[in-house]
């Protein structure tokens, strides 16, 4: 799905360190590469020197000699990370939660907001305080009966097989949403996942999370340690771009685990 080459958007502090840890954890499962990028303002020699010093110190902390570190000059952190990812050939950008958010939740800053509305690569967002477990335990795809969600099911089912973890397809049932049609759509999605992968039927499940709003429905679904949530981009996204609707953003903010957002048409 992702993880052959991860680009970490790094800034000093908890969010940067947690993004690094999550990237290395995913790369451990995929055998992929990690590149670390720090964005600094252009036209300011002092900022460039500070960035170089920061990355040199970071390099001494990293155990992986294959990790590259790069400084990027850009007026926008989000745009700078997207540029760095394209240059590196990364298939995903990893970012931490913005400072000041609640522990265990995702707070979206300006860089995350930019990436979640325009990035050409998948975006992995890490909750505040997240500590990777010993191994990945489950992939959960947020599902509605739309083509972009079917793409996410296809990619996630193959990834679950490669990671050796179960796959869950989750639909949120809000307020008066009829349960019957939602369950029928989930049954079809389960069949799609099984047909696309070598997963055992016992390793693919379908759940409804019920609640009066997105946060309540997400909490009703139940989440475990070592889980990764997968969200498809909106049907309004340009081809091969990430774009989350307001509903998608609410799901990300309510997530209790790392979230991967796939571009539309992701292959």
C-alpha atoms as a PDB file:
ATOM      1  CA  UNK A   1       0.000   0.000   0.000  1.00  0.00           C
ATOM      2  CA  UNK A   2       2.669   2.482   1.139  1.00  0.00           C
ATOM      3  CA  UNK A   3       6.001   2.256   2.859  1.00  0.00           C
ATOM      4  CA  UNK A   4       8.543   1.556   0.134  1.00  0.00           C
ATOM      5  CA  UNK A   5       9.946   5.049   0.675  1.00  0.00           C
ATOM      6  CA  UNK A   6       8.705   7.294   3.480  1.00  0.00           C
ATOM      7  CA  UNK A   7       9.496  10.988   3.782  1.00  0.00           C
ATOM      8  CA  UNK A   8       9.256  12.324   7.340  1.00  0.00           C
ATOM      9  CA  UNK A   9       8.459  15.973   7.856  1.00  0.00           C
ATOM     10  CA  UNK A  10      10.659  16.744  10.845  1.00  0.00           C
ATOM     11  CA  UNK A  11      10.698  19.671  13.241  1.00  0.00           C
ATOM     12  CA  UNK A  12      12.197  19.623  16.741  1.00  0.00           C
ATOM     13  CA  UNK A  13       9.757  18.494  19.385  1.00  0.00           C
ATOM     14  CA  UNK A  14       7.353  15.718  20.244  1.00  0.00           C
ATOM     15  CA  UNK A  15       5.495  15.675  16.934  1.00  0.00           C
ATOM     16  CA  UNK A  16       8.672  15.340  14.896  1.00  0.00           C
ATOM     17  CA  UNK A  17      10.044  12.549  17.061  1.00  0.00           C
ATOM     18  CA  UNK A  18       6.735  10.647  16.960  1.00  0.00           C
ATOM     19  CA  UNK A  19       6.575  10.949  13.173  1.00  0.00           C
ATOM     20  CA  UNK A  20      10.114   9.542  12.959  1.00  0.00           C
ATOM     21  CA  UNK A  21       9.251   6.609  15.215  1.00  0.00           C
ATOM     22  CA  UNK A  22       6.112   5.797  13.218  1.00  0.00           C
ATOM     23  CA  UNK A  23       7.999   5.951   9.921  1.00  0.00           C
ATOM     24  CA  UNK A  24      10.715   3.584  11.111  1.00  0.00           C
ATOM     25  CA  UNK A  25       8.082   1.235  12.512  1.00  0.00           C
ATOM     26  CA  UNK A  26       6.290   1.068   9.155  1.00  0.00           C
ATOM     27  CA  UNK A  27       9.567   0.718   7.249  1.00  0.00           C
ATOM     28  CA  UNK A  28      10.446  -2.219   9.497  1.00  0.00           C
ATOM     29  CA  UNK A  29       7.354  -4.018   8.166  1.00  0.00           C
ATOM     30  CA  UNK A  30       7.844  -3.070   4.533  1.00  0.00           C
ATOM     31  CA  UNK A  31      11.620  -3.052   4.228  1.00  0.00           C
ATOM     32  CA  UNK A  32      11.336   0.463   2.841  1.00  0.00           C
ATOM     33  CA  UNK A  33      13.573   3.525   2.960  1.00  0.00           C
ATOM     34  CA  UNK A  34      13.210   6.590   5.158  1.00  0.00           C
ATOM     35  CA  UNK A  35      14.160  10.144   4.215  1.00  0.00           C
ATOM     36  CA  UNK A  36      13.922  12.969   6.768  1.00  0.00           C
ATOM     37  CA  UNK A  37      13.157  16.504   5.581  1.00  0.00           C
ATOM     38  CA  UNK A  38      13.189  19.791   7.462  1.00  0.00           C
ATOM     39  CA  UNK A  39      11.682  22.893   5.870  1.00  0.00           C
ATOM     40  CA  UNK A  40      13.119  26.336   6.562  1.00  0.00           C
ATOM     41  CA  UNK A  41      12.287  29.810   5.203  1.00  0.00           C
ATOM     42  CA  UNK A  42      14.027  30.788   1.955  1.00  0.00           C
ATOM     43  CA  UNK A  43      16.407  33.721   1.585  1.00  0.00           C
ATOM     44  CA  UNK A  44      17.617  33.544   5.195  1.00  0.00           C
ATOM     45  CA  UNK A  45      21.174  32.216   5.545  1.00  0.00           C
ATOM     46  CA  UNK A  46      20.808  31.904   9.318  1.00  0.00           C
ATOM     47  CA  UNK A  47      17.750  29.679   8.887  1.00  0.00           C
ATOM     48  CA  UNK A  48      19.602  27.494   6.379  1.00  0.00           C
ATOM     49  CA  UNK A  49      22.545  27.136   8.764  1.00  0.00           C
ATOM     50  CA  UNK A  50      20.211  26.290  11.649  1.00  0.00           C
ATOM     51  CA  UNK A  51      18.488  23.658   9.513  1.00  0.00           C
ATOM     52  CA  UNK A  52      21.817  22.074   8.549  1.00  0.00           C
ATOM     53  CA  UNK A  53      22.881  21.944  12.204  1.00  0.00           C
ATOM     54  CA  UNK A  54      19.561  20.433  13.244  1.00  0.00           C
ATOM     55  CA  UNK A  55      19.771  17.698  10.628  1.00  0.00           C
ATOM     56  CA  UNK A  56      23.405  16.911  11.438  1.00  0.00           C
ATOM     57  CA  UNK A  57      22.503  16.442  15.091  1.00  0.00           C
ATOM     58  CA  UNK A  58      19.536  14.326  14.094  1.00  0.00           C
ATOM     59  CA  UNK A  59      21.711  12.153  11.867  1.00  0.00           C
ATOM     60  CA  UNK A  60      23.872  11.231  14.864  1.00  0.00           C
ATOM     61  CA  UNK A  61      20.754   9.985  16.678  1.00  0.00           C
ATOM     62  CA  UNK A  62      19.535   7.771  13.860  1.00  0.00           C
ATOM     63  CA  UNK A  63      20.483   4.117  13.823  1.00  0.00           C
ATOM     64  CA  UNK A  64      19.853   3.618  10.112  1.00  0.00           C
ATOM     65  CA  UNK A  65      22.836   4.660   7.942  1.00  0.00           C
ATOM     66  CA  UNK A  66      20.612   4.409   4.856  1.00  0.00           C
ATOM     67  CA  UNK A  67      18.454   7.309   6.048  1.00  0.00           C
ATOM     68  CA  UNK A  68      18.951  10.517   4.091  1.00  0.00           C
ATOM     69  CA  UNK A  69      18.354  13.918   5.650  1.00  0.00           C
ATOM     70  CA  UNK A  70      17.498  16.941   3.516  1.00  0.00           C
ATOM     71  CA  UNK A  71      16.849  20.611   4.143  1.00  0.00           C
ATOM     72  CA  UNK A  72      14.242  22.320   1.967  1.00  0.00           C
ATOM     73  CA  UNK A  73      13.770  26.051   1.539  1.00  0.00           C
ATOM     74  CA  UNK A  74      10.089  26.951   1.160  1.00  0.00           C
ATOM     75  CA  UNK A  75       7.648  29.576   2.372  1.00  0.00           C
ATOM     76  CA  UNK A  76       5.153  26.776   3.059  1.00  0.00           C
ATOM     77  CA  UNK A  77       6.077  23.733   5.133  1.00  0.00           C
ATOM     78  CA  UNK A  78       3.423  21.628   3.440  1.00  0.00           C
ATOM     79  CA  UNK A  79       4.546  22.656  -0.042  1.00  0.00           C
ATOM     80  CA  UNK A  80       8.188  22.115   0.887  1.00  0.00           C
ATOM     81  CA  UNK A  81       7.478  18.575   2.116  1.00  0.00           C
ATOM     82  CA  UNK A  82       5.564  17.754  -1.053  1.00  0.00           C
ATOM     83  CA  UNK A  83       8.511  19.001  -3.121  1.00  0.00           C
ATOM     84  CA  UNK A  84      10.973  16.958  -1.066  1.00  0.00           C
ATOM     85  CA  UNK A  85       8.813  13.836  -1.408  1.00  0.00           C
ATOM     86  CA  UNK A  86       8.690  14.232  -5.177  1.00  0.00           C
ATOM     87  CA  UNK A  87      12.465  14.679  -5.410  1.00  0.00           C
ATOM     88  CA  UNK A  88      13.101  11.647  -3.217  1.00  0.00           C
ATOM     89  CA  UNK A  89      10.566   9.467  -4.992  1.00  0.00           C
ATOM     90  CA  UNK A  90       8.716   8.848  -1.723  1.00  0.00           C
ATOM     91  CA  UNK A  91       5.325   7.162  -1.751  1.00  0.00           C
ATOM     92  CA  UNK A  92       4.136   8.757   1.503  1.00  0.00           C
ATOM     93  CA  UNK A  93       4.740  11.787   3.705  1.00  0.00           C
ATOM     94  CA  UNK A  94       4.742  11.189   7.466  1.00  0.00           C
ATOM     95  CA  UNK A  95       3.891  14.033   9.848  1.00  0.00           C
ATOM     96  CA  UNK A  96       3.202  14.311  13.547  1.00  0.00           C
ATOM     97  CA  UNK A  97       0.354  16.010  15.338  1.00  0.00           C
ATOM     98  CA  UNK A  98       0.579  19.778  15.767  1.00  0.00           C
ATOM     99  CA  UNK A  99       1.721  21.084  19.141  1.00  0.00           C
ATOM    100  CA  UNK A 100      -0.881  21.775  21.794  1.00  0.00           C
ATOM    101  CA  UNK A 101      -3.274  18.942  20.965  1.00  0.00           C
ATOM    102  CA  UNK A 102      -4.664  16.301  23.288  1.00  0.00           C
ATOM    103  CA  UNK A 103      -2.587  13.203  23.874  1.00  0.00           C
ATOM    104  CA  UNK A 104      -3.781  10.289  21.748  1.00  0.00           C
ATOM    105  CA  UNK A 105      -5.512  12.546  19.216  1.00  0.00           C
ATOM    106  CA  UNK A 106      -4.516  14.188  15.952  1.00  0.00           C
ATOM    107  CA  UNK A 107      -4.358  17.967  15.787  1.00  0.00           C
ATOM    108  CA  UNK A 108      -3.931  19.308  12.280  1.00  0.00           C
ATOM    109  CA  UNK A 109      -1.648  22.274  11.775  1.00  0.00           C
ATOM    110  CA  UNK A 110      -1.180  24.338   8.620  1.00  0.00           C
ATOM    111  CA  UNK A 111       1.306  21.865   7.073  1.00  0.00           C
ATOM    112  CA  UNK A 112      -1.052  18.913   7.593  1.00  0.00           C
ATOM    113  CA  UNK A 113      -3.981  20.924   6.267  1.00  0.00           C
ATOM    114  CA  UNK A 114      -2.035  21.737   3.095  1.00  0.00           C
ATOM    115  CA  UNK A 115      -0.984  18.126   2.544  1.00  0.00           C
ATOM    116  CA  UNK A 116      -4.459  16.730   3.214  1.00  0.00           C
ATOM    117  CA  UNK A 117      -5.870  18.961   0.501  1.00  0.00           C
ATOM    118  CA  UNK A 118      -3.243  18.690  -2.233  1.00  0.00           C
ATOM    119  CA  UNK A 119      -0.449  16.161  -1.659  1.00  0.00           C
ATOM    120  CA  UNK A 120       0.348  13.891  -4.625  1.00  0.00           C
ATOM    121  CA  UNK A 121       1.581  11.181  -2.230  1.00  0.00           C
ATOM    122  CA  UNK A 122      -0.195   9.353   0.560  1.00  0.00           C
ATOM    123  CA  UNK A 123      -0.088  11.157   3.914  1.00  0.00           C
ATOM    124  CA  UNK A 124       0.436   9.369   7.226  1.00  0.00           C
ATOM    125  CA  UNK A 125      -0.571  11.434  10.276  1.00  0.00           C
ATOM    126  CA  UNK A 126       0.508  10.316  13.752  1.00  0.00           C
ATOM    127  CA  UNK A 127      -1.458  11.092  16.951  1.00  0.00           C
ATOM    128  CA  UNK A 128       0.180  12.975  19.799  1.00  0.00           C
ATOM    129  CA  UNK A 129       1.887  10.630  22.227  1.00  0.00           C
ATOM    130  CA  UNK A 130       1.823   7.674  19.851  1.00  0.00           C
ATOM    131  CA  UNK A 131       4.307   4.908  20.646  1.00  0.00           C
ATOM    132  CA  UNK A 132       4.633   2.141  18.029  1.00  0.00           C
ATOM    133  CA  UNK A 133       3.813  -1.330  19.296  1.00  0.00           C
ATOM    134  CA  UNK A 134       5.903  -4.420  18.862  1.00  0.00           C
ATOM    135  CA  UNK A 135       4.088  -5.124  15.589  1.00  0.00           C
ATOM    136  CA  UNK A 136       1.194  -3.908  13.468  1.00  0.00           C
ATOM    137  CA  UNK A 137      -2.024  -5.619  14.592  1.00  0.00           C
ATOM    138  CA  UNK A 138      -4.773  -4.544  12.197  1.00  0.00           C
ATOM    139  CA  UNK A 139      -5.586  -2.319   9.228  1.00  0.00           C
ATOM    140  CA  UNK A 140      -8.964  -0.566   9.318  1.00  0.00           C
ATOM    141  CA  UNK A 141     -10.376   0.962   6.134  1.00  0.00           C
ATOM    142  CA  UNK A 142     -13.037   3.644   6.540  1.00  0.00           C
ATOM    143  CA  UNK A 143     -15.595   2.500   3.987  1.00  0.00           C
ATOM    144  CA  UNK A 144     -18.591   3.869   2.116  1.00  0.00           C
ATOM    145  CA  UNK A 145     -19.896   2.515  -1.171  1.00  0.00           C
ATOM    146  CA  UNK A 146     -17.837   4.780  -3.434  1.00  0.00           C
ATOM    147  CA  UNK A 147     -15.172   3.948  -6.072  1.00  0.00           C
ATOM    148  CA  UNK A 148     -12.404   5.702  -4.156  1.00  0.00           C
ATOM    149  CA  UNK A 149     -13.156   3.581  -1.073  1.00  0.00           C
ATOM    150  CA  UNK A 150     -13.118   0.427  -3.180  1.00  0.00           C
ATOM    151  CA  UNK A 151      -9.600   1.404  -4.299  1.00  0.00           C
ATOM    152  CA  UNK A 152      -8.617   1.755  -0.646  1.00  0.00           C
ATOM    153  CA  UNK A 153     -10.036  -1.694   0.126  1.00  0.00           C
ATOM    154  CA  UNK A 154      -8.012  -3.224  -2.722  1.00  0.00           C
ATOM    155  CA  UNK A 155      -4.743  -1.614  -1.553  1.00  0.00           C
ATOM    156  CA  UNK A 156      -5.310  -2.286   2.126  1.00  0.00           C
ATOM    157  CA  UNK A 157      -6.250  -5.938   1.585  1.00  0.00           C
ATOM    158  CA  UNK A 158      -2.975  -6.589  -0.211  1.00  0.00           C
ATOM    159  CA  UNK A 159      -1.064  -4.657   2.488  1.00  0.00           C
ATOM    160  CA  UNK A 160      -2.778  -6.653   5.262  1.00  0.00           C
ATOM    161  CA  UNK A 161      -1.707  -9.864   3.582  1.00  0.00           C
ATOM    162  CA  UNK A 162       1.883  -8.622   3.259  1.00  0.00           C
ATOM    163  CA  UNK A 163       1.969  -7.401   6.884  1.00  0.00           C
ATOM    164  CA  UNK A 164       0.350 -10.591   8.162  1.00  0.00           C
ATOM    165  CA  UNK A 165      -2.442  -8.713   9.967  1.00  0.00           C
ATOM    166  CA  UNK A 166      -6.255  -8.808   9.796  1.00  0.00           C
ATOM    167  CA  UNK A 167      -8.266  -6.286   7.820  1.00  0.00           C
ATOM    168  CA  UNK A 168     -11.348  -4.492   9.127  1.00  0.00           C
ATOM    169  CA  UNK A 169     -13.790  -2.523   6.980  1.00  0.00           C
ATOM    170  CA  UNK A 170     -15.551   0.132   9.044  1.00  0.00           C
ATOM    171  CA  UNK A 171     -18.580   2.247   8.156  1.00  0.00           C
ATOM    172  CA  UNK A 172     -19.923   5.003  10.397  1.00  0.00           C
ATOM    173  CA  UNK A 173     -23.681   4.938  10.962  1.00  0.00           C
ATOM    174  CA  UNK A 174     -24.723   8.433  12.009  1.00  0.00           C
ATOM    175  CA  UNK A 175     -28.074   9.367  13.530  1.00  0.00           C
ATOM    176  CA  UNK A 176     -30.850   7.918  11.357  1.00  0.00           C
ATOM    177  CA  UNK A 177     -28.683   6.246   8.696  1.00  0.00           C
ATOM    178  CA  UNK A 178     -30.411   2.993   7.683  1.00  0.00           C
ATOM    179  CA  UNK A 179     -28.326   0.064   8.876  1.00  0.00           C
ATOM    180  CA  UNK A 180     -29.448  -2.473   6.264  1.00  0.00           C
ATOM    181  CA  UNK A 181     -27.985  -0.797   3.141  1.00  0.00           C
ATOM    182  CA  UNK A 182     -24.754   0.012   4.997  1.00  0.00           C
ATOM    183  CA  UNK A 183     -24.337  -3.621   6.013  1.00  0.00           C
ATOM    184  CA  UNK A 184     -25.054  -4.754   2.456  1.00  0.00           C
ATOM    185  CA  UNK A 185     -22.338  -2.433   1.141  1.00  0.00           C
ATOM    186  CA  UNK A 186     -19.901  -3.779   3.723  1.00  0.00           C
ATOM    187  CA  UNK A 187     -20.645  -7.368   2.715  1.00  0.00           C
ATOM    188  CA  UNK A 188     -19.774  -6.524  -0.889  1.00  0.00           C
ATOM    189  CA  UNK A 189     -16.579  -4.797   0.257  1.00  0.00           C
ATOM    190  CA  UNK A 190     -15.554  -7.880   2.231  1.00  0.00           C
ATOM    191  CA  UNK A 191     -15.928  -9.981  -0.912  1.00  0.00           C
ATOM    192  CA  UNK A 192     -13.858  -7.424  -2.840  1.00  0.00           C
ATOM    193  CA  UNK A 193     -11.058  -7.647  -0.239  1.00  0.00           C
ATOM    194  CA  UNK A 194     -11.032 -11.432  -0.306  1.00  0.00           C
ATOM    195  CA  UNK A 195     -10.974 -11.569  -4.095  1.00  0.00           C
ATOM    196  CA  UNK A 196      -8.076  -9.076  -4.257  1.00  0.00           C
ATOM    197  CA  UNK A 197      -5.840 -10.852  -1.762  1.00  0.00           C
ATOM    198  CA  UNK A 198      -4.947 -14.174  -0.243  1.00  0.00           C
ATOM    199  CA  UNK A 199      -6.432 -13.254   3.124  1.00  0.00           C
ATOM    200  CA  UNK A 200      -8.288 -15.910   5.041  1.00  0.00           C
ATOM    201  CA  UNK A 201     -12.023 -15.090   5.409  1.00  0.00           C
ATOM    202  CA  UNK A 202     -11.556 -15.144   9.188  1.00  0.00           C
ATOM    203  CA  UNK A 203      -9.060 -12.282   8.835  1.00  0.00           C
ATOM    204  CA  UNK A 204     -11.480  -9.881   7.132  1.00  0.00           C
ATOM    205  CA  UNK A 205     -14.221  -8.305   9.222  1.00  0.00           C
ATOM    206  CA  UNK A 206     -16.859  -5.615   8.763  1.00  0.00           C
ATOM    207  CA  UNK A 207     -18.116  -3.285  11.501  1.00  0.00           C
ATOM    208  CA  UNK A 208     -20.566  -0.442  11.933  1.00  0.00           C
ATOM    209  CA  UNK A 209     -19.640   2.357  14.303  1.00  0.00           C
ATOM    210  CA  UNK A 210     -22.840   3.992  15.503  1.00  0.00           C
ATOM    211  CA  UNK A 211     -23.244   7.403  17.076  1.00  0.00           C
ATOM    212  CA  UNK A 212     -24.888  10.793  16.885  1.00  0.00           C
ATOM    213  CA  UNK A 213     -21.748  12.319  15.384  1.00  0.00           C
ATOM    214  CA  UNK A 214     -18.457  11.226  13.881  1.00  0.00           C
ATOM    215  CA  UNK A 215     -16.525  11.269  17.153  1.00  0.00           C
ATOM    216  CA  UNK A 216     -19.131   9.115  18.916  1.00  0.00           C
ATOM    217  CA  UNK A 217     -19.349   6.651  16.023  1.00  0.00           C
ATOM    218  CA  UNK A 218     -15.566   6.355  15.877  1.00  0.00           C
ATOM    219  CA  UNK A 219     -15.389   5.683  19.611  1.00  0.00           C
ATOM    220  CA  UNK A 220     -18.128   3.054  19.283  1.00  0.00           C
ATOM    221  CA  UNK A 221     -16.038   1.117  16.764  1.00  0.00           C
ATOM    222  CA  UNK A 222     -13.284   0.245  19.222  1.00  0.00           C
ATOM    223  CA  UNK A 223      -9.584   0.585  18.481  1.00  0.00           C
ATOM    224  CA  UNK A 224      -6.584  -1.471  19.485  1.00  0.00           C
ATOM    225  CA  UNK A 225      -2.900  -0.807  19.879  1.00  0.00           C
ATOM    226  CA  UNK A 226      -0.910  -1.415  16.727  1.00  0.00           C
ATOM    227  CA  UNK A 227      -3.808  -0.360  14.495  1.00  0.00           C
ATOM    228  CA  UNK A 228      -3.532   1.767  11.343  1.00  0.00           C
ATOM    229  CA  UNK A 229      -6.551   3.528   9.877  1.00  0.00           C
ATOM    230  CA  UNK A 230      -6.842   3.979   6.102  1.00  0.00           C
ATOM    231  CA  UNK A 231      -8.940   6.772   4.593  1.00  0.00           C
ATOM    232  CA  UNK A 232      -9.644   7.356   0.906  1.00  0.00           C
ATOM    233  CA  UNK A 233      -9.616  10.841  -0.564  1.00  0.00           C
ATOM    234  CA  UNK A 234     -12.882  12.528  -1.434  1.00  0.00           C
ATOM    235  CA  UNK A 235     -14.490  12.059  -4.843  1.00  0.00           C
ATOM    236  CA  UNK A 236     -13.782  15.792  -5.282  1.00  0.00           C
ATOM    237  CA  UNK A 237     -10.030  15.141  -5.260  1.00  0.00           C
ATOM    238  CA  UNK A 238      -8.070  15.659  -8.441  1.00  0.00           C
ATOM    239  CA  UNK A 239      -6.586  12.458  -9.885  1.00  0.00           C
ATOM    240  CA  UNK A 240      -3.530  11.290  -7.918  1.00  0.00           C
ATOM    241  CA  UNK A 241      -4.040  13.937  -5.254  1.00  0.00           C
ATOM    242  CA  UNK A 242      -5.081  13.812  -1.620  1.00  0.00           C
ATOM    243  CA  UNK A 243      -8.187  15.779  -0.753  1.00  0.00           C
ATOM    244  CA  UNK A 244     -10.251  15.182   2.359  1.00  0.00           C
ATOM    245  CA  UNK A 245     -13.836  16.311   2.734  1.00  0.00           C
ATOM    246  CA  UNK A 246     -15.109  17.777   5.991  1.00  0.00           C
ATOM    247  CA  UNK A 247     -16.305  14.307   6.992  1.00  0.00           C
ATOM    248  CA  UNK A 248     -12.868  12.874   6.283  1.00  0.00           C
ATOM    249  CA  UNK A 249     -11.203  15.567   8.385  1.00  0.00           C
ATOM    250  CA  UNK A 250     -13.566  14.800  11.269  1.00  0.00           C
ATOM    251  CA  UNK A 251     -12.605  11.123  11.080  1.00  0.00           C
ATOM    252  CA  UNK A 252      -8.907  11.995  11.161  1.00  0.00           C
ATOM    253  CA  UNK A 253      -9.367  14.284  14.163  1.00  0.00           C
ATOM    254  CA  UNK A 254     -11.321  11.583  15.993  1.00  0.00           C
ATOM    255  CA  UNK A 255      -8.794   8.827  15.238  1.00  0.00           C
ATOM    256  CA  UNK A 256      -6.964   7.100  18.081  1.00  0.00           C
ATOM    257  CA  UNK A 257      -4.243   5.575  15.893  1.00  0.00           C
ATOM    258  CA  UNK A 258      -2.053   6.608  12.940  1.00  0.00           C
ATOM    259  CA  UNK A 259      -4.042   7.475   9.818  1.00  0.00           C
ATOM    260  CA  UNK A 260      -3.020   6.915   6.194  1.00  0.00           C
ATOM    261  CA  UNK A 261      -4.848   9.074   3.649  1.00  0.00           C
ATOM    262  CA  UNK A 262      -4.562   7.776   0.090  1.00  0.00           C
ATOM    263  CA  UNK A 263      -4.626   9.971  -3.022  1.00  0.00           C
ATOM    264  CA  UNK A 264      -7.477   9.448  -5.439  1.00  0.00           C
ATOM    265  CA  UNK A 265      -6.526   6.776  -7.945  1.00  0.00           C
ATOM    266  CA  UNK A 266      -3.684   5.513  -5.744  1.00  0.00           C
ATOM    267  CA  UNK A 267      -1.928   2.465  -7.205  1.00  0.00           C
END
